C-alpha atoms as a PDB file:
ATOM      1  CA  MET A   1     164.532-241.247-129.687  1.00  0.00           C
ATOM      2  CA  ASN A   2     165.679-238.519-132.068  1.00  0.00           C
ATOM      3  CA  LYS A   3     168.828-238.998-134.098  1.00  0.00           C
ATOM      4  CA  GLU A   4     171.848-237.392-132.442  1.00  0.00           C
ATOM      5  CA  GLU A   5     173.097-234.564-134.662  1.00  0.00           C
ATOM      6  CA  TRP A   6     176.824-235.202-134.650  1.00  0.00           C
ATOM      7  CA  THR A   7     179.231-232.590-135.990  1.00  0.00           C
ATOM      8  CA  ASN A   8     181.359-233.761-138.891  1.00  0.00           C
ATOM      9  CA  ILE A   9     185.038-233.055-138.224  1.00  0.00           C
ATOM     10  CA  THR A  10     187.172-233.831-141.275  1.00  0.00           C
ATOM     11  CA  HIS A  11     190.875-234.322-141.997  1.00  0.00           C
ATOM     12  CA  THR A  12     192.815-235.194-145.118  1.00  0.00           C
ATOM     13  CA  ILE A  13     195.919-237.362-145.327  1.00  0.00           C
ATOM     14  CA  GLN A  14     198.266-237.499-148.289  1.00  0.00           C
ATOM     15  CA  THR A  15     199.178-241.056-149.251  1.00  0.00           C
ATOM     16  CA  SER A  16     201.092-242.632-152.100  1.00  0.00           C
ATOM     17  CA  LYS A  17     197.708-243.631-153.563  1.00  0.00           C
ATOM     18  CA  GLY A  18     196.185-240.156-153.342  1.00  0.00           C
ATOM     19  CA  GLU A  19     194.358-237.988-150.823  1.00  0.00           C
ATOM     20  CA  LEU A  20     192.532-239.853-148.086  1.00  0.00           C
ATOM     21  CA  LEU A  21     189.503-238.232-146.403  1.00  0.00           C
ATOM     22  CA  ILE A  22     188.723-238.723-142.727  1.00  0.00           C
ATOM     23  CA  SER A  23     185.039-238.022-142.050  1.00  0.00           C
ATOM     24  CA  GLY A  24     184.092-237.675-138.390  1.00  0.00           C
ATOM     25  CA  VAL A  25     180.531-238.793-139.033  1.00  0.00           C
ATOM     26  CA  THR A  26     179.393-240.605-142.172  1.00  0.00           C
ATOM     27  CA  SER A  27     175.752-240.900-143.226  1.00  0.00           C
ATOM     28  CA  PRO A  28     174.127-244.200-144.243  1.00  0.00           C
ATOM     29  CA  ASP A  29     173.683-242.871-147.801  1.00  0.00           C
ATOM     30  CA  ILE A  30     177.388-242.176-148.208  1.00  0.00           C
ATOM     31  CA  LEU A  31     178.384-245.485-146.637  1.00  0.00           C
ATOM     32  CA  GLU A  32     176.073-247.358-149.005  1.00  0.00           C
ATOM     33  CA  LYS A  33     177.805-245.767-152.002  1.00  0.00           C
ATOM     34  CA  LEU A  34     181.324-246.607-150.840  1.00  0.00           C
ATOM     35  CA  GLU A  35     182.974-249.856-151.784  1.00  0.00           C
ATOM     36  CA  ILE A  36     184.663-251.564-148.844  1.00  0.00           C
ATOM     37  CA  ASP A  37     188.285-252.641-148.883  1.00  0.00           C
ATOM     38  CA  GLN A  38     188.234-256.436-148.766  1.00  0.00           C
ATOM     39  CA  GLN A  39     190.991-256.381-146.143  1.00  0.00           C
ATOM     40  CA  LEU A  40     188.541-254.928-143.602  1.00  0.00           C
ATOM     41  CA  LYS A  41     187.645-258.335-142.224  1.00  0.00           C
ATOM     42  CA  ALA A  42     188.841-258.398-138.592  1.00  0.00           C
ATOM     43  CA  PHE A  43     185.300-258.850-137.254  1.00  0.00           C
ATOM     44  CA  ARG A  44     183.471-260.520-140.139  1.00  0.00           C
ATOM     45  CA  PRO A  45     183.795-260.743-143.957  1.00  0.00           C
ATOM     46  CA  ALA A  46     184.073-257.303-145.553  1.00  0.00           C
ATOM     47  CA  ALA A  47     180.627-257.299-147.195  1.00  0.00           C
ATOM     48  CA  LYS A  48     178.915-258.253-143.934  1.00  0.00           C
ATOM     49  CA  GLN A  49     180.978-255.697-142.053  1.00  0.00           C
ATOM     50  CA  LYS A  50     179.839-252.949-144.422  1.00  0.00           C
ATOM     51  CA  LYS A  51     176.215-253.933-143.772  1.00  0.00           C
ATOM     52  CA  ALA A  52     176.850-253.783-140.009  1.00  0.00           C
ATOM     53  CA  ILE A  53     178.475-250.362-140.316  1.00  0.00           C
ATOM     54  CA  VAL A  54     175.525-248.969-142.280  1.00  0.00           C
ATOM     55  CA  GLU A  55     173.107-250.330-139.661  1.00  0.00           C
ATOM     56  CA  ILE A  56     175.083-248.657-136.855  1.00  0.00           C
ATOM     57  CA  SER A  57     175.039-245.325-138.714  1.00  0.00           C
ATOM     58  CA  CYS A  58     171.208-245.508-138.741  1.00  0.00           C
ATOM     59  CA  LEU A  59     170.878-245.856-134.953  1.00  0.00           C
ATOM     60  CA  PRO A  60     169.645-242.787-133.028  1.00  0.00           C
ATOM     61  CA  GLN A  61     172.984-242.565-131.196  1.00  0.00           C
ATOM     62  CA  GLY A  62     175.009-244.392-133.830  1.00  0.00           C
ATOM     63  CA  LYS A  63     178.108-242.762-135.254  1.00  0.00           C
ATOM     64  CA  VAL A  64     180.521-244.007-137.915  1.00  0.00           C
ATOM     65  CA  VAL A  65     183.856-242.355-138.574  1.00  0.00           C
ATOM     66  CA  SER A  66     185.261-243.287-141.978  1.00  0.00           C
ATOM     67  CA  ALA A  67     188.493-243.175-143.928  1.00  0.00           C
ATOM     68  CA  GLN A  68     187.801-242.925-147.656  1.00  0.00           C
ATOM     69  CA  ILE A  69     189.884-242.745-150.796  1.00  0.00           C
ATOM     70  CA  LYS A  70     188.500-242.626-154.341  1.00  0.00           C
ATOM     71  CA  GLY A  71     185.157-244.131-153.335  1.00  0.00           C
ATOM     72  CA  LEU A  72     186.755-246.879-151.240  1.00  0.00           C
ATOM     73  CA  LEU A  73     186.193-247.334-147.510  1.00  0.00           C
ATOM     74  CA  VAL A  74     189.603-248.188-146.040  1.00  0.00           C
ATOM     75  CA  GLY A  75     189.019-247.554-142.339  1.00  0.00           C
ATOM     76  CA  TYR A  76     186.274-246.907-139.816  1.00  0.00           C
ATOM     77  CA  ILE A  77     185.368-246.466-136.178  1.00  0.00           C
ATOM     78  CA  THR A  78     181.884-247.279-134.910  1.00  0.00           C
ATOM     79  CA  PHE A  79     180.101-245.846-131.867  1.00  0.00           C
ATOM     80  CA  HIS A  80     176.783-247.160-130.567  1.00  0.00           C
ATOM     81  CA  PRO A  81     174.949-247.767-127.282  1.00  0.00           C
ATOM     82  CA  PRO A  82     176.068-250.930-125.459  1.00  0.00           C
ATOM     83  CA  ASP A  83     174.113-254.078-126.268  1.00  0.00           C
ATOM     84  CA  GLU A  84     171.212-254.784-123.915  1.00  0.00           C
ATOM     85  CA  PHE A  85     172.863-257.942-122.541  1.00  0.00           C
ATOM     86  CA  GLU A  86     176.025-256.057-121.501  1.00  0.00           C
ATOM     87  CA  ARG A  87     176.314-254.652-117.979  1.00  0.00           C
ATOM     88  CA  TRP A  88     177.263-251.229-119.405  1.00  0.00           C
ATOM     89  CA  SER A  89     173.721-250.736-120.735  1.00  0.00           C
ATOM     90  CA  SER A  90     172.131-250.749-117.269  1.00  0.00           C
ATOM     91  CA  GLY A  91     173.678-247.576-115.885  1.00  0.00           C
ATOM     92  CA  GLN A  92     172.437-244.633-117.938  1.00  0.00           C
ATOM     93  CA  ASP A  93     171.634-243.569-121.473  1.00  0.00           C
ATOM     94  CA  LYS A  94     174.754-241.444-121.914  1.00  0.00           C
ATOM     95  CA  VAL A  95     177.102-244.386-122.483  1.00  0.00           C
ATOM     96  CA  LEU A  96     178.506-245.062-125.940  1.00  0.00           C
ATOM     97  CA  GLU A  97     180.618-248.025-126.928  1.00  0.00           C
ATOM     98  CA  LEU A  98     183.491-247.661-129.343  1.00  0.00           C
ATOM     99  CA  GLY A  99     182.520-250.918-130.945  1.00  0.00           C
ATOM    100  CA  ALA A 100     185.180-251.350-133.598  1.00  0.00           C
ATOM    101  CA  ILE A 101     188.218-249.651-135.059  1.00  0.00           C
ATOM    102  CA  GLU A 102     189.865-251.022-138.170  1.00  0.00           C
ATOM    103  CA  VAL A 103     192.203-249.794-140.915  1.00  0.00           C
ATOM    104  CA  SER A 104     193.090-251.668-144.077  1.00  0.00           C
ATOM    105  CA  PRO A 105     196.684-253.004-143.999  1.00  0.00           C
ATOM    106  CA  ARG A 106     197.340-250.967-147.172  1.00  0.00           C
ATOM    107  CA  TYR A 107     196.891-247.696-145.236  1.00  0.00           C
ATOM    108  CA  ARG A 108     198.335-248.435-141.804  1.00  0.00           C
ATOM    109  CA  ASN A 109     201.475-246.340-142.113  1.00  0.00           C
ATOM    110  CA  TYR A 110     199.717-242.980-142.408  1.00  0.00           C
ATOM    111  CA  GLY A 111     198.320-242.456-138.900  1.00  0.00           C
ATOM    112  CA  VAL A 112     194.775-243.154-140.097  1.00  0.00           C
ATOM    113  CA  ALA A 113     193.509-244.634-136.825  1.00  0.00           C
ATOM    114  CA  ARG A 114     194.798-241.693-134.805  1.00  0.00           C
ATOM    115  CA  ARG A 115     193.257-239.150-137.155  1.00  0.00           C
ATOM    116  CA  MET A 116     189.918-240.975-137.082  1.00  0.00           C
ATOM    117  CA  LEU A 117     189.934-240.828-133.279  1.00  0.00           C
ATOM    118  CA  GLU A 118     190.760-237.119-133.406  1.00  0.00           C
ATOM    119  CA  ALA A 119     187.846-236.528-135.784  1.00  0.00           C
ATOM    120  CA  ALA A 120     185.507-238.566-133.579  1.00  0.00           C
ATOM    121  CA  PHE A 121     186.333-236.782-130.348  1.00  0.00           C
ATOM    122  CA  GLY A 122     186.740-233.369-131.945  1.00  0.00           C
ATOM    123  CA  ASP A 123     182.931-233.230-131.875  1.00  0.00           C
ATOM    124  CA  GLU A 124     181.841-231.343-128.744  1.00  0.00           C
ATOM    125  CA  LYS A 125     178.763-233.573-128.448  1.00  0.00           C
ATOM    126  CA  MET A 126     181.066-236.418-127.437  1.00  0.00           C
ATOM    127  CA  GLU A 127     181.669-234.535-124.189  1.00  0.00           C
ATOM    128  CA  ASP A 128     178.090-235.452-123.192  1.00  0.00           C
ATOM    129  CA  TYR A 129     178.940-239.162-123.137  1.00  0.00           C
ATOM    130  CA  ILE A 130     180.872-241.786-121.255  1.00  0.00           C
ATOM    131  CA  VAL A 131     182.667-243.730-123.992  1.00  0.00           C
ATOM    132  CA  ILE A 132     183.867-247.276-123.418  1.00  0.00           C
ATOM    133  CA  ALA A 133     186.068-249.492-125.568  1.00  0.00           C
ATOM    134  CA  THR A 134     186.320-253.223-124.889  1.00  0.00           C
ATOM    135  CA  GLU A 135     189.612-254.406-126.321  1.00  0.00           C
ATOM    136  CA  TYR A 136     189.783-258.171-126.893  1.00  0.00           C
ATOM    137  CA  TYR A 137     193.028-259.691-128.120  1.00  0.00           C
ATOM    138  CA  TRP A 138     191.210-262.075-130.469  1.00  0.00           C
ATOM    139  CA  HIS A 139     190.198-259.121-132.649  1.00  0.00           C
ATOM    140  CA  TRP A 140     193.775-257.868-133.011  1.00  0.00           C
ATOM    141  CA  ASP A 141     195.709-258.424-136.226  1.00  0.00           C
ATOM    142  CA  LEU A 142     198.654-260.128-134.562  1.00  0.00           C
ATOM    143  CA  ASP A 143     199.564-262.066-137.706  1.00  0.00           C
ATOM    144  CA  GLY A 144     199.385-259.076-140.030  1.00  0.00           C
ATOM    145  CA  THR A 145     201.529-256.857-137.814  1.00  0.00           C
ATOM    146  CA  ASN A 146     203.903-259.571-136.559  1.00  0.00           C
ATOM    147  CA  LEU A 147     203.688-257.974-133.123  1.00  0.00           C
ATOM    148  CA  PRO A 148     203.733-260.019-129.920  1.00  0.00           C
ATOM    149  CA  ILE A 149     200.461-259.766-128.041  1.00  0.00           C
ATOM    150  CA  TRP A 150     201.806-257.473-125.313  1.00  0.00           C
ATOM    151  CA  GLU A 151     203.380-255.059-127.804  1.00  0.00           C
ATOM    152  CA  TYR A 152     200.085-254.918-129.699  1.00  0.00           C
ATOM    153  CA  ARG A 153     198.259-254.270-126.443  1.00  0.00           C
ATOM    154  CA  GLU A 154     200.586-251.381-125.635  1.00  0.00           C
ATOM    155  CA  MET A 155     200.121-249.978-129.147  1.00  0.00           C
ATOM    156  CA  MET A 156     196.336-250.036-128.665  1.00  0.00           C
ATOM    157  CA  ARG A 157     196.607-248.518-125.194  1.00  0.00           C
ATOM    158  CA  ARG A 158     198.694-245.602-126.521  1.00  0.00           C
ATOM    159  CA  LEU A 159     196.356-245.108-129.497  1.00  0.00           C
ATOM    160  CA  MET A 160     193.264-244.912-127.304  1.00  0.00           C
ATOM    161  CA  ALA A 161     194.993-242.763-124.701  1.00  0.00           C
ATOM    162  CA  HIS A 162     195.622-240.182-127.424  1.00  0.00           C
ATOM    163  CA  THR A 163     191.972-239.161-126.993  1.00  0.00           C
ATOM    164  CA  ASP A 164     191.837-239.791-123.229  1.00  0.00           C
ATOM    165  CA  LEU A 165     190.480-243.329-123.205  1.00  0.00           C
ATOM    166  CA  LEU A 166     192.136-244.880-120.159  1.00  0.00           C
ATOM    167  CA  ILE A 167     192.231-248.402-118.741  1.00  0.00           C
ATOM    168  CA  LYS A 168     189.685-249.198-116.032  1.00  0.00           C
ATOM    169  CA  GLU A 169     189.811-252.307-113.869  1.00  0.00           C
ATOM    170  CA  THR A 170     186.687-254.487-113.966  1.00  0.00           C
ATOM    171  CA  ASP A 171     185.497-257.995-113.163  1.00  0.00           C
ATOM    172  CA  ASP A 172     183.606-258.287-116.458  1.00  0.00           C
ATOM    173  CA  GLU A 173     184.033-261.919-117.494  1.00  0.00           C
ATOM    174  CA  GLU A 174     184.967-261.268-121.103  1.00  0.00           C
ATOM    175  CA  ILE A 175     187.595-258.711-120.123  1.00  0.00           C
ATOM    176  CA  THR A 176     189.064-260.925-117.417  1.00  0.00           C
ATOM    177  CA  SER A 177     189.079-264.021-119.652  1.00  0.00           C
ATOM    178  CA  HIS A 178     192.591-263.028-120.820  1.00  0.00           C
ATOM    179  CA  PRO A 179     195.103-260.663-119.174  1.00  0.00           C
ATOM    180  CA  ALA A 180     195.726-258.806-122.449  1.00  0.00           C
ATOM    181  CA  ASN A 181     192.092-257.722-122.746  1.00  0.00           C
ATOM    182  CA  MET A 182     191.292-254.172-121.674  1.00  0.00           C
ATOM    183  CA  LEU A 183     188.334-252.022-120.750  1.00  0.00           C
ATOM    184  CA  MET A 184     189.065-248.394-121.651  1.00  0.00           C
ATOM    185  CA  VAL A 185     186.849-245.501-120.587  1.00  0.00           C
ATOM    186  CA  ARG A 186     186.592-241.796-121.374  1.00  0.00           C
ATOM    187  CA  TYR A 187     184.424-239.462-119.296  1.00  0.00           C
ATOM    188  CA  GLY A 188     183.213-236.512-121.334  1.00  0.00           C
ATOM    189  CA  LYS A 189     183.703-233.039-119.873  1.00  0.00           C
ATOM    190  CA  ASN A 190     179.956-232.643-119.320  1.00  0.00           C
ATOM    191  CA  ILE A 191     179.558-235.885-117.386  1.00  0.00           C
ATOM    192  CA  THR A 192     178.500-235.249-113.786  1.00  0.00           C
ATOM    193  CA  LYS A 193     179.972-236.853-110.670  1.00  0.00           C
ATOM    194  CA  LYS A 194     176.710-238.720-110.153  1.00  0.00           C
ATOM    195  CA  MET A 195     176.887-240.167-113.674  1.00  0.00           C
ATOM    196  CA  ILE A 196     180.472-241.260-113.078  1.00  0.00           C
ATOM    197  CA  TYR A 197     179.466-242.838-109.763  1.00  0.00           C
ATOM    198  CA  ASN A 198     176.605-244.754-111.381  1.00  0.00           C
ATOM    199  CA  PHE A 199     178.864-246.001-114.150  1.00  0.00           C
ATOM    200  CA  ASP A 200     181.711-246.961-111.827  1.00  0.00           C
ATOM    201  CA  ARG A 201     179.294-249.143-109.849  1.00  0.00           C
ATOM    202  CA  LEU A 202     179.057-251.346-112.959  1.00  0.00           C
ATOM    203  CA  LEU A 203     182.782-252.064-113.012  1.00  0.00           C
ATOM    204  CA  PHE A 204     182.576-254.673-110.274  1.00  0.00           C
ATOM    205  CA  LEU A 205     179.408-256.742-109.913  1.00  0.00           C
ATOM    206  CA  ASN A 206     180.908-259.902-108.461  1.00  0.00           C
ATOM    207  CA  GLY A 207     181.409-258.955-104.854  1.00  0.00           C
ATOM    208  CA  LYS A 208     184.262-256.424-104.954  1.00  0.00           C
END
């Protein structure tokens, strides 16, 4: 499979520490050169997370949005095909998973996550895909934000809805394992009714 040629949409944000660059798609070479903020550890230790991000950027349909300042990676969003063991991989090849979104606590008051989403979905090629985001409460920084779980959930729902990711009901066991978990889905403008039908059939596989 050929590498998808994503369009790089960029933004800049002025912070008290200098100008922060939002890059809508970041190459493996650039990611390798960036240091990673050690606070980016929601999913795994920062060094291991950087390795995972670089690997995703190398995938044929992999896409990494980055927030950079002075050679430091302080935020990212990853997109990749669903894992083979997930039900979402069995529908069609035009499904992408928003696998992770994270911003260093030092840069959370500048709208970085929102601008990264805008850069990601500003690319017209994203309209060719169904994008899913599986939101699990155990990945949320409840301690760092001091937010109750339901307020954090609502914050994430509003953030994702900013780029038309909307909650979909499902009987997926990981999603239903806690009422705060969410499956969010965005149908690109070029997605056909048949593609939507085939995807929606995956939402309920346990008899509904």
